[in-house]
Amino acid sequence: MFEHTKAFSGFSVDDIPRAKQFYGETLGLRVSEEHEMLTLHIAGDRDTLVYPKDDHTPATFTILNFPVEDIASAVEQLATRGVRFEAGHGIDDDGIMRQGGPLIAWFKDPAGNFLSVLQDD
């Protein structure tokens, strides 16, 4: 039934202007705004809808993963832009998990949703 539809993903935030600044300026994505909602124009024709929700609850799982060629460089660049990476078991001092899978580093958007950068081998 849906094999030919161009499905897309979306998630909520509690503050559209703050999300627009974070995704557009901090992460450097092309962002458009219409009807008080954002569209993140992600490479590979993967637009993602960001919509406001007054009673927003942050996702407890990773909503967006950004594959990168050099995770250490990506983490360093994001850190200089004020991004703070998650810490904890198995995560090194740079914020990178180097155990049991691809190299990955988690961080949150201003609404508290989890995002990640991961080594694209």
Protein backbone atom coordinates (compact mmCIF):
# COMPACT_ATOMS: atom_id res chain seq x y z
CA MET A 1 0.00 0.00 0.00
CA PHE A 2 2.76 2.50 0.89
CA GLU A 3 5.70 1.13 -1.09
CA HIS A 4 5.72 4.16 -3.42
CA THR A 5 4.96 6.93 -0.94
CA LYS A 6 7.68 9.35 0.09
CA ALA A 7 7.32 9.04 3.85
CA PHE A 8 9.11 11.43 6.15
CA SER A 9 9.85 11.63 9.82
CA GLY A 10 9.09 14.31 12.38
CA PHE A 11 9.54 15.14 16.03
CA SER A 12 8.37 17.74 18.50
CA VAL A 13 10.12 20.59 20.30
CA ASP A 14 8.94 23.13 22.84
CA ASP A 15 10.42 26.23 21.17
CA ILE A 16 10.51 26.61 17.38
CA PRO A 17 12.76 29.73 17.25
CA ARG A 18 15.32 28.08 19.53
CA ALA A 19 15.17 24.87 17.46
CA LYS A 20 15.61 26.87 14.25
CA GLN A 21 18.74 28.53 15.66
CA PHE A 22 20.19 25.23 16.90
CA TYR A 23 19.54 23.15 13.79
CA GLY A 24 20.29 25.97 11.35
CA GLU A 25 23.19 27.80 12.97
CA THR A 26 24.77 25.38 15.45
CA LEU A 27 24.43 22.22 13.32
CA GLY A 28 24.56 24.03 9.97
CA LEU A 29 21.51 22.39 8.40
CA ARG A 30 19.38 24.17 5.84
CA VAL A 31 16.13 24.96 7.65
CA SER A 32 12.87 26.42 6.38
CA GLU A 33 9.86 27.56 8.37
CA GLU A 34 6.21 27.46 7.35
CA HIS A 35 2.99 27.38 9.37
CA GLU A 36 4.98 27.66 12.63
CA MET A 37 6.81 24.41 11.83
CA LEU A 38 10.35 23.75 10.64
CA THR A 39 11.62 21.52 7.91
CA LEU A 40 15.18 20.27 8.26
CA HIS A 41 16.56 19.76 4.77
CA ILE A 42 18.94 16.87 5.36
CA ALA A 43 21.29 15.55 2.67
CA GLY A 44 19.97 12.67 0.62
CA ASP A 45 16.48 14.18 0.24
CA ARG A 46 15.62 13.29 3.85
CA ASP A 47 13.53 16.26 4.96
CA THR A 48 12.40 16.04 8.57
CA LEU A 49 9.47 17.93 10.11
CA VAL A 50 9.93 19.71 13.46
CA TYR A 51 6.67 20.79 15.05
CA PRO A 52 5.82 22.69 18.24
CA LYS A 53 4.16 20.88 21.11
CA ASP A 54 3.22 22.74 24.28
CA ASP A 55 3.49 19.64 26.47
CA HIS A 56 6.62 18.37 24.68
CA THR A 57 8.46 15.55 26.41
CA PRO A 58 12.00 14.90 25.13
CA ALA A 59 12.55 11.65 23.30
CA THR A 60 14.44 9.09 25.38
CA PHE A 61 15.93 7.57 22.22
CA THR A 62 18.06 8.96 19.39
CA ILE A 63 15.85 10.82 16.91
CA LEU A 64 18.55 11.79 14.38
CA ASN A 65 21.91 10.22 13.60
CA PHE A 66 24.50 12.14 11.60
CA PRO A 67 27.13 9.86 9.97
CA VAL A 68 30.53 11.55 9.66
CA GLU A 69 33.88 10.54 8.20
CA ASP A 70 35.85 11.71 11.25
CA ILE A 71 33.95 11.55 14.53
CA ALA A 72 36.75 13.13 16.59
CA SER A 73 36.80 16.17 14.31
CA ALA A 74 32.98 16.42 14.29
CA VAL A 75 32.81 16.23 18.09
CA GLU A 76 35.53 18.87 18.40
CA GLN A 77 33.79 21.23 15.94
CA LEU A 78 30.41 20.82 17.64
CA ALA A 79 31.97 21.38 21.06
CA THR A 80 33.38 24.71 19.86
CA ARG A 81 29.80 25.64 18.91
CA GLY A 82 28.62 24.96 22.45
CA VAL A 83 27.30 21.41 22.00
CA ARG A 84 27.71 19.29 25.13
CA PHE A 85 28.09 15.55 24.73
CA GLU A 86 26.68 12.88 26.98
CA ALA A 87 28.97 11.23 29.51
CA GLY A 88 28.76 7.87 31.20
CA HIS A 89 29.75 4.23 31.08
CA GLY A 90 31.98 3.45 28.11
CA ILE A 91 32.13 7.05 26.91
CA ASP A 92 35.62 8.59 26.81
CA ASP A 93 36.64 12.08 27.90
CA ASP A 94 35.86 13.42 24.39
CA GLY A 95 32.27 12.16 24.64
CA ILE A 96 32.75 9.26 22.23
CA MET A 97 31.53 5.70 22.88
CA ARG A 98 34.21 3.40 21.53
CA GLN A 99 32.81 0.04 22.66
CA GLY A 100 30.48 -2.48 21.04
CA GLY A 101 29.57 -0.92 17.71
CA PRO A 102 30.32 2.12 15.62
CA LEU A 103 32.07 5.05 17.25
CA ILE A 104 29.22 7.30 18.39
CA ALA A 105 28.68 10.45 20.44
CA TRP A 106 25.30 11.56 21.76
CA PHE A 107 24.11 15.08 22.45
CA LYS A 108 20.78 16.83 22.95
CA ASP A 109 18.94 19.55 21.08
CA PRO A 110 17.55 22.50 23.10
CA ALA A 111 14.27 20.59 23.61
CA GLY A 112 16.17 17.67 25.19
CA ASN A 113 15.84 15.22 22.27
CA PHE A 114 18.81 12.90 21.71
CA LEU A 115 20.91 13.23 18.54
CA SER A 116 24.17 11.56 17.59
CA VAL A 117 27.19 11.74 15.37
CA LEU A 118 28.63 8.39 14.39
CA GLN A 119 31.66 7.22 12.48
CA ASP A 120 30.65 6.32 8.92
CA ASP A 121 33.08 3.57 7.90
